[in-house]
Amino acid sequence: MNVNERLRAVVARIFRTPIELIDDATTPAAVAAWDSLGQMELVIALEQEFSIEFALEDIMLINSVGEIRSILERRNGAEG
């Protein structure tokens, strides 16, 4: 699985949403469970999945799945 597929799988699992509904344009406004607590659960799950630690600045920038992917690719130098 590439970064995008792994990311979508984590978001879908954390928010109990069908993976088909998750794409770069998915935002907290589109996912009822994506509140402040959900954001922290997502960050923890992503840190585990990708073996990274998000900086506070990165966590504050997370406002869409696309933004998360950009951060992951920047941090990991990953291919997407």
N, C-alpha and C. Protein backbone atom coordinates (compact mmCIF):
# COMPACT_ATOMS: atom_id res chain seq x y z
N MET A 1 0.85 -1.20 0.00
CA MET A 1 0.00 0.00 0.00
C MET A 1 0.88 1.24 0.00
N ASN A 2 0.46 2.24 -0.74
CA ASN A 2 1.21 3.49 -0.74
C ASN A 2 0.72 4.39 0.40
N VAL A 3 1.34 5.54 0.53
CA VAL A 3 1.01 6.47 1.62
C VAL A 3 -0.47 6.84 1.60
N ASN A 4 -0.99 7.16 0.43
CA ASN A 4 -2.39 7.58 0.33
C ASN A 4 -3.34 6.47 0.78
N GLU A 5 -3.08 5.25 0.34
CA GLU A 5 -3.95 4.13 0.73
C GLU A 5 -3.88 3.87 2.23
N ARG A 6 -2.68 3.91 2.77
CA ARG A 6 -2.52 3.70 4.22
C ARG A 6 -3.21 4.80 5.00
N LEU A 7 -3.05 6.03 4.56
CA LEU A 7 -3.68 7.18 5.22
C LEU A 7 -5.21 7.03 5.20
N ARG A 8 -5.76 6.75 4.04
CA ARG A 8 -7.21 6.59 3.93
C ARG A 8 -7.71 5.46 4.82
N ALA A 9 -6.95 4.37 4.90
CA ALA A 9 -7.35 3.25 5.74
C ALA A 9 -7.39 3.65 7.22
N VAL A 10 -6.40 4.42 7.66
CA VAL A 10 -6.37 4.86 9.06
C VAL A 10 -7.53 5.79 9.34
N VAL A 11 -7.76 6.77 8.48
CA VAL A 11 -8.86 7.72 8.67
C VAL A 11 -10.20 6.97 8.72
N ALA A 12 -10.39 6.05 7.80
CA ALA A 12 -11.64 5.28 7.76
C ALA A 12 -11.82 4.47 9.04
N ARG A 13 -10.74 3.86 9.52
CA ARG A 13 -10.83 3.04 10.74
C ARG A 13 -11.13 3.90 11.97
N ILE A 14 -10.42 4.99 12.13
CA ILE A 14 -10.58 5.84 13.31
C ILE A 14 -11.98 6.45 13.36
N PHE A 15 -12.48 6.88 12.21
CA PHE A 15 -13.78 7.55 12.19
C PHE A 15 -14.93 6.64 11.78
N ARG A 16 -14.62 5.35 11.65
CA ARG A 16 -15.66 4.36 11.31
C ARG A 16 -16.49 4.81 10.11
N THR A 17 -15.75 5.15 9.06
CA THR A 17 -16.34 5.65 7.82
C THR A 17 -15.88 4.76 6.68
N PRO A 18 -16.74 4.46 5.73
CA PRO A 18 -16.30 3.66 4.58
C PRO A 18 -15.12 4.32 3.87
N ILE A 19 -14.11 3.52 3.57
CA ILE A 19 -12.90 4.06 2.94
C ILE A 19 -13.20 4.74 1.62
N GLU A 20 -14.24 4.31 0.94
CA GLU A 20 -14.62 4.91 -0.34
C GLU A 20 -15.01 6.37 -0.20
N LEU A 21 -15.39 6.78 1.00
CA LEU A 21 -15.81 8.17 1.25
C LEU A 21 -14.65 9.07 1.66
N ILE A 22 -13.46 8.49 1.79
CA ILE A 22 -12.29 9.25 2.25
C ILE A 22 -11.41 9.59 1.05
N ASP A 23 -11.16 10.88 0.86
CA ASP A 23 -10.22 11.32 -0.18
C ASP A 23 -9.53 12.60 0.32
N ASP A 24 -8.68 13.18 -0.51
CA ASP A 24 -7.93 14.37 -0.09
C ASP A 24 -8.82 15.52 0.36
N ALA A 25 -10.04 15.58 -0.17
CA ALA A 25 -10.94 16.69 0.15
C ALA A 25 -11.71 16.47 1.45
N THR A 26 -11.56 15.30 2.08
CA THR A 26 -12.28 15.01 3.32
C THR A 26 -11.76 15.92 4.43
N THR A 27 -12.70 16.60 5.11
CA THR A 27 -12.36 17.54 6.18
C THR A 27 -13.14 17.19 7.44
N PRO A 28 -12.78 17.80 8.57
CA PRO A 28 -13.55 17.56 9.79
C PRO A 28 -15.03 17.91 9.63
N ALA A 29 -15.36 18.88 8.81
CA ALA A 29 -16.75 19.26 8.61
C ALA A 29 -17.56 18.14 7.95
N ALA A 30 -16.89 17.27 7.22
CA ALA A 30 -17.57 16.19 6.50
C ALA A 30 -17.68 14.90 7.31
N VAL A 31 -16.98 14.85 8.45
CA VAL A 31 -16.94 13.62 9.25
C VAL A 31 -17.36 13.97 10.68
N ALA A 32 -18.51 13.50 11.09
CA ALA A 32 -19.07 13.86 12.40
C ALA A 32 -18.12 13.54 13.56
N ALA A 33 -17.40 12.43 13.47
CA ALA A 33 -16.53 12.02 14.57
C ALA A 33 -15.20 12.78 14.60
N TRP A 34 -14.94 13.62 13.60
CA TRP A 34 -13.67 14.33 13.51
C TRP A 34 -13.77 15.63 14.30
N ASP A 35 -13.82 15.48 15.62
CA ASP A 35 -13.82 16.62 16.53
C ASP A 35 -12.43 16.69 17.17
N SER A 36 -12.27 17.46 18.23
CA SER A 36 -10.94 17.61 18.82
C SER A 36 -10.40 16.29 19.38
N LEU A 37 -11.26 15.50 20.00
CA LEU A 37 -10.83 14.19 20.50
C LEU A 37 -10.51 13.26 19.33
N GLY A 38 -11.35 13.27 18.32
CA GLY A 38 -11.10 12.47 17.13
C GLY A 38 -9.79 12.85 16.45
N GLN A 39 -9.49 14.14 16.44
CA GLN A 39 -8.23 14.63 15.86
C GLN A 39 -7.04 14.01 16.58
N MET A 40 -7.09 13.97 17.91
CA MET A 40 -5.98 13.40 18.66
C MET A 40 -5.88 11.89 18.45
N GLU A 41 -7.02 11.20 18.39
CA GLU A 41 -7.01 9.77 18.11
C GLU A 41 -6.40 9.51 16.73
N LEU A 42 -6.76 10.35 15.77
CA LEU A 42 -6.22 10.22 14.43
C LEU A 42 -4.71 10.44 14.42
N VAL A 43 -4.25 11.48 15.10
CA VAL A 43 -2.82 11.77 15.15
C VAL A 43 -2.06 10.59 15.74
N ILE A 44 -2.55 10.03 16.84
CA ILE A 44 -1.88 8.89 17.47
C ILE A 44 -1.84 7.69 16.53
N ALA A 45 -2.95 7.41 15.87
CA ALA A 45 -3.00 6.28 14.93
C ALA A 45 -2.05 6.50 13.76
N LEU A 46 -1.98 7.73 13.26
CA LEU A 46 -1.08 8.02 12.15
C LEU A 46 0.38 7.91 12.58
N GLU A 47 0.68 8.38 13.78
CA GLU A 47 2.05 8.27 14.29
C GLU A 47 2.47 6.80 14.39
N GLN A 48 1.57 5.96 14.83
CA GLN A 48 1.86 4.53 14.92
C GLN A 48 2.01 3.91 13.54
N GLU A 49 1.09 4.22 12.64
CA GLU A 49 1.10 3.64 11.29
C GLU A 49 2.35 4.01 10.51
N PHE A 50 2.76 5.28 10.63
CA PHE A 50 3.87 5.77 9.82
C PHE A 50 5.18 5.92 10.61
N SER A 51 5.20 5.50 11.86
CA SER A 51 6.40 5.56 12.71
C SER A 51 7.03 6.95 12.70
N ILE A 52 6.19 7.95 12.92
CA ILE A 52 6.67 9.33 13.01
C ILE A 52 6.05 9.98 14.23
N GLU A 53 6.53 11.17 14.54
CA GLU A 53 5.90 11.97 15.59
C GLU A 53 5.60 13.33 14.99
N PHE A 54 4.33 13.70 15.02
CA PHE A 54 3.93 14.99 14.49
C PHE A 54 4.37 16.11 15.43
N ALA A 55 4.87 17.18 14.85
CA ALA A 55 5.15 18.39 15.61
C ALA A 55 3.81 19.09 15.86
N LEU A 56 3.74 19.87 16.92
CA LEU A 56 2.52 20.61 17.23
C LEU A 56 2.08 21.46 16.04
N GLU A 57 3.05 22.06 15.34
CA GLU A 57 2.72 22.88 14.17
C GLU A 57 1.99 22.04 13.11
N ASP A 58 2.46 20.80 12.93
CA ASP A 58 1.82 19.92 11.95
C ASP A 58 0.39 19.57 12.38
N ILE A 59 0.21 19.27 13.65
CA ILE A 59 -1.12 18.92 14.15
C ILE A 59 -2.08 20.08 13.93
N MET A 60 -1.60 21.29 14.13
CA MET A 60 -2.45 22.47 13.94
C MET A 60 -2.82 22.68 12.47
N LEU A 61 -2.00 22.17 11.55
CA LEU A 61 -2.26 22.32 10.11
C LEU A 61 -3.23 21.29 9.56
N ILE A 62 -3.49 20.25 10.34
CA ILE A 62 -4.33 19.16 9.84
C ILE A 62 -5.78 19.64 9.74
N ASN A 63 -6.18 19.92 8.50
CA ASN A 63 -7.55 20.36 8.26
C ASN A 63 -8.21 19.60 7.12
N SER A 64 -7.50 18.61 6.60
CA SER A 64 -8.06 17.75 5.55
C SER A 64 -7.16 16.53 5.39
N VAL A 65 -7.68 15.51 4.76
CA VAL A 65 -6.88 14.32 4.49
C VAL A 65 -5.73 14.68 3.55
N GLY A 66 -5.99 15.56 2.60
CA GLY A 66 -4.94 16.00 1.69
C GLY A 66 -3.79 16.68 2.41
N GLU A 67 -4.11 17.49 3.40
CA GLU A 67 -3.06 18.16 4.18
C GLU A 67 -2.26 17.14 4.97
N ILE A 68 -2.93 16.14 5.53
CA ILE A 68 -2.21 15.09 6.25
C ILE A 68 -1.25 14.38 5.31
N ARG A 69 -1.72 14.05 4.10
CA ARG A 69 -0.87 13.37 3.13
C ARG A 69 0.35 14.22 2.81
N SER A 70 0.16 15.51 2.62
CA SER A 70 1.28 16.41 2.33
C SER A 70 2.30 16.41 3.47
N ILE A 71 1.81 16.46 4.70
CA ILE A 71 2.70 16.44 5.86
C ILE A 71 3.47 15.12 5.91
N LEU A 72 2.77 14.01 5.71
CA LEU A 72 3.42 12.70 5.74
C LEU A 72 4.48 12.58 4.66
N GLU A 73 4.15 13.01 3.47
CA GLU A 73 5.13 12.92 2.37
C GLU A 73 6.32 13.82 2.64
N ARG A 74 6.09 14.98 3.19
CA ARG A 74 7.18 15.90 3.51
C ARG A 74 8.06 15.31 4.61
N ARG A 75 7.43 14.74 5.64
CA ARG A 75 8.17 14.20 6.78
C ARG A 75 8.92 12.92 6.45
N ASN A 76 8.28 12.05 5.68
CA ASN A 76 8.88 10.75 5.38
C ASN A 76 9.68 10.75 4.10
N GLY A 77 9.51 11.78 3.29
CA GLY A 77 10.07 11.71 1.96
C GLY A 77 9.45 10.56 1.21
N ALA A 78 8.20 10.24 1.57
CA ALA A 78 7.52 9.05 1.05
C ALA A 78 7.01 9.29 -0.35
N GLU A 79 6.78 8.20 -1.03
CA GLU A 79 6.18 8.25 -2.35
C GLU A 79 4.72 7.93 -2.21
N GLY A 80 3.88 8.64 -2.99
CA GLY A 80 2.55 8.52 -2.75
C GLY A 80 1.54 7.92 -3.48
